[in-house]
Amino acid sequence: MRHIVTFFKIILLLALIAYLGYAFFNIMQKSTDEACQTVCIQIKDSLQASFVTAADVEKKLIAAHLYPQGQLMDSIHGCAIERCLTKDPFIQKATCYKTPGGFANIIVEQRIPVLRVMASNGDDYYMDENGYRMKPDGYEADLVVVTGQVEEAYARKYLVPLGILIRNDAFWNSQIEQINITPQRELELFMRIGDQTIHAGTVTNIGKKLAKLRTFYEKVMPQVGWNLYKDINIAFDNQVVCKKPTATNV
């Protein structure tokens, strides 16, 4: 009895192998003659940023004579498409693959900048969370703008982590509009609400300084008004020093 069961298992296995071989041959034969009917382009993080659109991807591939629509499936070179797209500084990664039915699928992962640098030396660029520098090239994003004495190495080492901190905090992401870097490498913050200059000192312990400022905003500012003070200094430990327009310390 055991030999009979083993025999039938072998027969079923051979039949399965034969079927898979037949199906694979038919699929390969069909793909040779099949043309691409549909190009599906997916832009990741499109709700977070729109530096790259599906129309941009289509335009780039048409210009490079790589757009898959109408091409034979076997003649579509996914690697060439990926290399073409990743030349765009705002595209971090591109993936192209084909599926039965004449579909060419392209997935694009954008580089999401965390700040824009507009330095006093004339430099103007975006920088993503990995410190990758990107030219604006007409793109606009509602990001913190960094001005003043900013060198690229300093921005990459110190300001990118600050940009990530601001981006990941809904409160500061909606409040901080500009960061100016003084010649002494100290930070001046400018908010969307209020007309104060926030003096934060160096970037050291900036997370704690912002937490202290937030507490001040929540407990003091609603009582005295947002425009009472001209300058707010959070550079010192465990205190917030304020100045009114008359330069009276509080």
Protein backbone atom coordinates (compact mmCIF):
# COMPACT_ATOMS: atom_id res chain seq x y z
CA MET A 1 0.00 0.00 0.00
CA ARG A 2 2.82 2.38 0.88
CA HIS A 3 4.41 1.79 -2.55
CA ILE A 4 1.16 2.68 -4.30
CA VAL A 5 0.86 5.96 -2.36
CA THR A 6 4.46 6.82 -3.20
CA PHE A 7 3.84 6.02 -6.88
CA PHE A 8 0.81 8.35 -7.03
CA LYS A 9 2.79 11.12 -5.30
CA ILE A 10 5.51 10.82 -7.91
CA ILE A 11 2.92 10.93 -10.72
CA LEU A 12 1.31 14.05 -9.23
CA LEU A 13 4.69 15.73 -8.80
CA LEU A 14 5.65 15.02 -12.41
CA ALA A 15 2.30 16.30 -13.61
CA LEU A 16 2.74 19.50 -11.61
CA ILE A 17 6.24 20.03 -13.01
CA ALA A 18 4.95 19.47 -16.53
CA TYR A 19 2.10 21.95 -15.98
CA LEU A 20 4.38 24.61 -14.55
CA GLY A 21 6.79 24.16 -17.45
CA TYR A 22 3.93 24.46 -19.93
CA ALA A 23 2.53 27.55 -18.20
CA PHE A 24 5.94 29.20 -17.99
CA PHE A 25 6.58 28.51 -21.68
CA ASN A 26 3.22 30.01 -22.64
CA ILE A 27 3.78 33.09 -20.48
CA MET A 28 7.24 33.63 -21.93
CA GLN A 29 5.97 33.10 -25.46
CA LYS A 30 3.10 35.50 -24.86
CA SER A 31 5.35 38.15 -23.31
CA THR A 32 7.55 38.06 -26.41
CA ASP A 33 4.66 39.18 -28.61
CA GLU A 34 2.78 41.27 -26.05
CA ALA A 35 2.95 45.05 -26.07
CA CYS A 36 2.75 47.25 -23.02
CA GLN A 37 -0.84 48.44 -22.72
CA THR A 38 -0.72 50.27 -19.39
CA VAL A 39 1.94 52.20 -17.48
CA CYS A 40 1.21 52.48 -13.75
CA ILE A 41 3.23 55.21 -12.02
CA GLN A 42 3.13 55.45 -8.23
CA ILE A 43 4.74 58.34 -6.35
CA LYS A 44 5.44 57.51 -2.73
CA ASP A 45 4.83 60.20 -0.08
CA SER A 46 2.82 62.22 -2.61
CA LEU A 47 0.64 63.57 0.20
CA GLN A 48 3.70 64.81 2.07
CA ALA A 49 5.40 66.47 -0.90
CA SER A 50 4.93 66.89 -4.62
CA PHE A 51 8.41 67.57 -5.94
CA VAL A 52 7.87 64.77 -8.46
CA THR A 53 4.57 63.91 -10.14
CA ALA A 54 3.49 61.07 -12.40
CA ALA A 55 3.41 63.58 -15.26
CA ASP A 56 7.05 64.49 -14.54
CA VAL A 57 8.05 60.82 -14.67
CA GLU A 58 6.21 60.30 -17.95
CA LYS A 59 7.82 63.39 -19.47
CA LYS A 60 11.34 62.33 -18.44
CA LEU A 61 10.93 58.84 -19.87
CA ILE A 62 9.45 60.09 -23.14
CA ALA A 63 12.37 62.51 -23.55
CA ALA A 64 14.80 59.63 -22.94
CA HIS A 65 12.87 57.33 -25.35
CA LEU A 66 12.23 54.93 -22.50
CA TYR A 67 8.49 55.32 -21.94
CA PRO A 68 7.09 51.76 -21.98
CA GLN A 69 3.66 52.44 -23.53
CA GLY A 70 3.33 50.49 -26.79
CA GLN A 71 6.72 48.79 -26.51
CA LEU A 72 7.05 45.02 -26.58
CA MET A 73 7.23 43.78 -23.02
CA ASP A 74 10.54 42.02 -23.67
CA SER A 75 12.08 45.23 -24.98
CA ILE A 76 11.30 47.25 -21.82
CA HIS A 77 14.51 47.69 -19.84
CA GLY A 78 13.60 48.30 -16.22
CA CYS A 79 17.17 49.06 -15.14
CA ALA A 80 17.54 51.75 -17.79
CA ILE A 81 14.27 53.34 -16.65
CA GLU A 82 15.43 53.29 -13.03
CA ARG A 83 18.80 54.84 -13.90
CA CYS A 84 17.12 57.56 -15.93
CA LEU A 85 14.74 58.53 -13.13
CA THR A 86 17.30 58.52 -10.31
CA LYS A 87 19.28 61.21 -12.15
CA ASP A 88 16.60 63.59 -10.88
CA PRO A 89 17.91 65.00 -7.56
CA PHE A 90 14.43 64.79 -6.04
CA ILE A 91 14.10 61.06 -6.77
CA GLN A 92 15.78 58.88 -4.17
CA LYS A 93 14.80 55.52 -5.63
CA ALA A 94 12.94 54.18 -8.65
CA THR A 95 11.69 50.64 -9.22
CA CYS A 96 10.34 49.31 -12.53
CA TYR A 97 8.81 45.87 -13.02
CA LYS A 98 6.45 44.16 -15.47
CA THR A 99 3.34 42.10 -14.77
CA PRO A 100 1.18 39.91 -17.03
CA GLY A 101 -1.46 41.65 -19.07
CA GLY A 102 0.85 44.26 -20.57
CA PHE A 103 1.46 46.28 -17.39
CA ALA A 104 4.64 48.25 -16.70
CA ASN A 105 4.80 49.40 -13.08
CA ILE A 106 7.02 52.26 -11.94
CA ILE A 107 7.36 53.18 -8.26
CA VAL A 108 9.16 56.39 -7.38
CA GLU A 109 10.38 57.32 -3.91
CA GLN A 110 10.96 61.05 -3.49
CA ARG A 111 13.68 62.78 -1.54
CA ILE A 112 11.84 64.81 1.07
CA PRO A 113 13.78 67.95 2.11
CA VAL A 114 13.67 69.03 5.74
CA LEU A 115 14.97 72.56 5.25
CA ARG A 116 15.95 75.15 2.68
CA VAL A 117 19.23 77.02 2.96
CA MET A 118 19.46 80.55 1.56
CA ALA A 119 22.86 81.56 2.88
CA SER A 120 24.47 84.98 2.86
CA ASN A 121 27.21 83.63 0.56
CA GLY A 122 24.62 83.08 -2.19
CA ASP A 123 24.07 79.34 -1.68
CA ASP A 124 20.47 78.30 -2.25
CA TYR A 125 19.49 74.64 -1.89
CA TYR A 126 17.24 72.11 -0.21
CA MET A 127 18.67 69.40 2.04
CA ASP A 128 16.99 66.11 2.88
CA GLU A 129 17.21 64.12 6.10
CA ASN A 130 20.32 62.31 4.85
CA GLY A 131 22.14 65.57 4.16
CA TYR A 132 21.67 65.26 0.39
CA ARG A 133 21.79 68.66 -1.31
CA MET A 134 19.24 69.54 -3.99
CA LYS A 135 18.93 72.62 -6.20
CA PRO A 136 15.55 74.37 -5.95
CA ASP A 137 15.02 74.40 -9.76
CA GLY A 138 11.64 76.09 -9.43
CA TYR A 139 10.34 73.76 -6.72
CA GLU A 140 8.59 75.34 -3.78
CA ALA A 141 8.02 73.77 -0.36
CA ASP A 142 6.68 75.12 2.90
CA LEU A 143 9.82 74.44 4.92
CA VAL A 144 11.96 76.17 7.48
CA VAL A 145 14.29 78.59 5.68
CA VAL A 146 17.84 78.86 7.05
CA THR A 147 19.66 82.14 6.38
CA GLY A 148 22.90 83.78 7.45
CA GLN A 149 26.38 82.31 7.83
CA VAL A 150 25.68 78.75 6.68
CA GLU A 151 28.25 76.41 5.20
CA GLU A 152 27.09 73.14 3.69
CA ALA A 153 29.06 70.97 6.14
CA TYR A 154 27.57 72.86 9.11
CA ALA A 155 24.06 72.51 7.69
CA ARG A 156 24.53 68.79 7.15
CA LYS A 157 25.94 68.10 10.62
CA TYR A 158 23.88 70.41 12.81
CA LEU A 159 20.90 71.83 10.96
CA VAL A 160 19.56 68.65 9.35
CA PRO A 161 18.91 67.05 12.78
CA LEU A 162 17.18 70.28 13.81
CA GLY A 163 15.11 70.20 10.62
CA ILE A 164 14.07 66.62 11.38
CA LEU A 165 13.15 67.61 14.94
CA ILE A 166 10.98 70.45 13.65
CA ARG A 167 9.36 68.30 10.96
CA ASN A 168 8.45 65.58 13.44
CA ASP A 169 6.90 68.00 15.93
CA ALA A 170 3.54 69.33 14.75
CA PHE A 171 3.75 72.37 17.03
CA TRP A 172 7.17 73.58 15.88
CA ASN A 173 6.51 72.56 12.30
CA SER A 174 3.63 75.01 12.23
CA GLN A 175 5.45 77.74 14.20
CA ILE A 176 9.09 78.06 13.12
CA GLU A 177 9.41 79.90 9.84
CA GLN A 178 13.05 80.96 9.67
CA ILE A 179 16.36 80.22 11.38
CA ASN A 180 19.16 82.74 11.00
CA ILE A 181 22.75 81.70 11.76
CA THR A 182 24.92 84.50 13.11
CA PRO A 183 28.69 84.76 12.47
CA GLN A 184 29.16 83.32 15.99
CA ARG A 185 27.17 80.19 14.94
CA GLU A 186 24.25 81.14 17.16
CA LEU A 187 20.64 80.57 16.17
CA GLU A 188 17.96 83.23 15.83
CA LEU A 189 14.47 81.82 15.39
CA PHE A 190 11.56 83.64 13.78
CA MET A 191 8.01 82.39 14.28
CA ARG A 192 4.86 82.62 12.21
CA ILE A 193 3.00 84.07 15.20
CA GLY A 194 4.49 86.96 17.14
CA ASP A 195 7.09 89.51 16.14
CA GLN A 196 9.91 88.41 18.44
CA THR A 197 13.42 87.29 17.68
CA ILE A 198 14.16 84.09 19.61
CA HIS A 199 17.84 83.89 20.59
CA ALA A 200 18.69 80.22 21.06
CA GLY A 201 22.48 80.32 21.39
CA THR A 202 24.35 77.48 19.71
CA VAL A 203 22.64 74.38 18.41
CA THR A 204 23.75 72.45 21.53
CA ASN A 205 20.76 71.12 23.51
CA ILE A 206 18.36 72.77 21.08
CA GLY A 207 15.69 70.17 21.86
CA LYS A 208 15.66 71.16 25.54
CA LYS A 209 15.69 74.84 24.64
CA LEU A 210 12.66 74.43 22.40
CA ALA A 211 10.85 72.47 25.12
CA LYS A 212 11.52 75.35 27.52
CA LEU A 213 10.27 77.86 24.97
CA ARG A 214 7.11 75.85 24.37
CA THR A 215 6.33 75.84 28.08
CA PHE A 216 6.83 79.63 28.08
CA TYR A 217 4.50 79.95 25.10
CA GLU A 218 1.80 77.86 26.71
CA LYS A 219 1.90 79.40 30.19
CA VAL A 220 3.10 82.99 29.81
CA MET A 221 2.31 84.27 26.33
CA PRO A 222 -1.48 83.81 26.55
CA GLN A 223 -1.41 85.99 29.69
CA VAL A 224 0.80 88.85 28.44
CA GLY A 225 0.07 88.76 24.70
CA TRP A 226 2.15 87.63 21.74
CA ASN A 227 3.57 91.05 20.88
CA LEU A 228 4.67 92.29 24.30
CA TYR A 229 8.30 91.23 23.93
CA LYS A 230 10.78 92.13 21.22
CA ASP A 231 13.44 89.56 22.11
CA ILE A 232 13.26 86.21 23.88
CA ASN A 233 16.47 84.48 24.92
CA ILE A 234 16.40 80.74 25.63
CA ALA A 235 20.15 80.18 25.50
CA PHE A 236 20.54 80.04 29.28
CA ASP A 237 19.83 77.00 31.43
CA ASN A 238 16.46 76.85 33.20
CA GLN A 239 15.38 80.37 32.32
CA VAL A 240 13.82 82.49 29.63
CA VAL A 241 15.02 86.10 29.41
CA CYS A 242 12.71 88.57 27.67
CA LYS A 243 13.05 92.15 26.49
CA LYS A 244 10.30 94.60 25.73
CA PRO A 245 10.75 97.15 22.92
CA THR A 246 11.90 99.61 25.58
CA ALA A 247 14.72 97.18 26.47
CA THR A 248 13.33 96.61 29.95
CA ASN A 249 14.30 93.18 31.26
CA VAL A 250 11.53 90.95 32.57
